Amino acid sequence: VCLLCEKPRMGKFDVVAYKQALAAARADMRQAVDSVNFFPIAVRLAWHDSGSYDVSNSSWPECGGANGSIRFAEELDHGANAGLIKAKNF
């Protein structure tokens, strides 16, 4: 079943059960994120990842920016990024 148009593809697919499972998973994720107050550190992680952008370098990904490079030790170990490993490992 195409999840966008809900037309059958190959075999049977229970769209209602799928949507219920998806809603339950979404609720579980929201509860987990809220239980540890993840949003502030997630915003900080994104901010620090994007803060490495170098306007004088036009070559990607060397120019930095929000490219996920903060997941590497070289960037995470920088003093300004102290504590962000917790967000990365969440």
Protein backbone atom coordinates (compact mmCIF):
# COMPACT_ATOMS: atom_id res chain seq x y z
CA VAL A 1 0.00 0.00 0.00
CA CYS A 2 1.26 3.43 -0.87
CA LEU A 3 1.22 5.29 2.44
CA LEU A 4 0.43 8.56 0.73
CA CYS A 5 -2.49 7.46 -1.44
CA GLU A 6 -3.36 4.22 0.44
CA LYS A 7 -3.80 2.29 -2.80
CA PRO A 8 -2.83 -1.38 -2.70
CA ARG A 9 0.56 -2.37 -4.06
CA MET A 10 1.67 -5.96 -3.51
CA GLY A 11 -0.10 -8.07 -0.92
CA LYS A 12 -2.22 -6.90 1.99
CA PHE A 13 -1.17 -4.07 4.23
CA ASP A 14 -3.12 -2.87 7.24
CA VAL A 15 -2.94 0.91 6.88
CA VAL A 16 -4.90 1.53 10.08
CA ALA A 17 -2.59 -0.68 12.14
CA TYR A 18 0.46 0.96 10.57
CA LYS A 19 -0.80 4.46 11.38
CA GLN A 20 -1.61 3.40 14.95
CA ALA A 21 1.87 1.91 15.38
CA LEU A 22 3.44 5.05 13.96
CA ALA A 23 1.43 7.26 16.32
CA ALA A 24 2.42 5.07 19.27
CA ALA A 25 6.11 5.24 18.30
CA ARG A 26 5.88 9.02 17.94
CA ALA A 27 4.28 9.31 21.39
CA ASP A 28 6.99 7.08 22.90
CA MET A 29 9.73 9.23 21.35
CA ARG A 30 8.15 12.45 22.57
CA GLN A 31 7.84 11.03 26.07
CA ALA A 32 11.47 9.89 26.06
CA VAL A 33 12.72 13.25 24.80
CA ASP A 34 10.59 15.17 27.29
CA SER A 35 11.61 12.95 30.21
CA VAL A 36 15.26 13.95 29.89
CA ASN A 37 14.64 17.55 28.75
CA PHE A 38 16.57 16.95 25.54
CA PHE A 39 15.52 20.03 23.56
CA PRO A 40 17.97 22.58 25.03
CA ILE A 41 21.01 20.40 24.44
CA ALA A 42 19.74 19.39 20.97
CA VAL A 43 19.50 23.06 20.01
CA ARG A 44 22.99 23.65 21.40
CA LEU A 45 24.33 20.67 19.43
CA ALA A 46 22.83 22.02 16.19
CA TRP A 47 24.11 25.53 16.94
CA HIS A 48 27.66 24.34 17.57
CA ASP A 49 27.62 22.15 14.47
CA SER A 50 26.54 25.05 12.27
CA GLY A 51 28.91 27.47 13.99
CA SER A 52 31.89 25.99 12.16
CA TYR A 53 30.83 27.60 8.85
CA ASP A 54 33.61 29.48 7.07
CA VAL A 55 32.29 32.01 4.55
CA SER A 56 35.72 32.34 2.92
CA ASN A 57 35.72 28.67 1.89
CA SER A 58 33.20 27.81 -0.83
CA SER A 59 34.05 24.11 -1.05
CA TRP A 60 31.63 21.76 0.67
CA PRO A 61 32.04 20.09 3.15
CA GLU A 62 35.31 21.85 3.94
CA CYS A 63 33.41 25.10 4.51
CA GLY A 64 31.81 23.58 7.61
CA GLY A 65 28.38 24.57 8.79
CA ALA A 66 25.49 22.28 9.71
CA ASN A 67 26.97 19.22 8.05
CA GLY A 68 27.03 16.81 11.00
CA SER A 69 30.78 17.12 11.54
CA ILE A 70 30.22 17.60 15.26
CA ARG A 71 29.74 13.84 15.54
CA PHE A 72 33.51 13.38 15.11
CA ALA A 73 35.90 13.47 18.06
CA GLU A 74 38.05 16.24 16.56
CA GLU A 75 35.13 18.66 16.81
CA LEU A 76 33.44 17.23 19.91
CA ASP A 77 36.69 17.48 21.88
CA HIS A 78 36.89 21.24 21.30
CA GLY A 79 36.43 23.05 24.61
CA ALA A 80 33.39 25.02 23.45
CA ASN A 81 31.59 21.75 22.74
CA ALA A 82 31.97 20.37 26.26
CA GLY A 83 29.07 18.14 27.22
CA LEU A 84 27.67 17.80 23.72
CA ILE A 85 28.69 14.16 23.55
CA LYS A 86 25.59 13.49 25.68
CA ALA A 87 23.38 14.89 22.93
CA LYS A 88 25.29 13.02 20.25
CA ASN A 89 24.88 9.74 22.10
CA PHE A 90 21.16 10.26 22.78
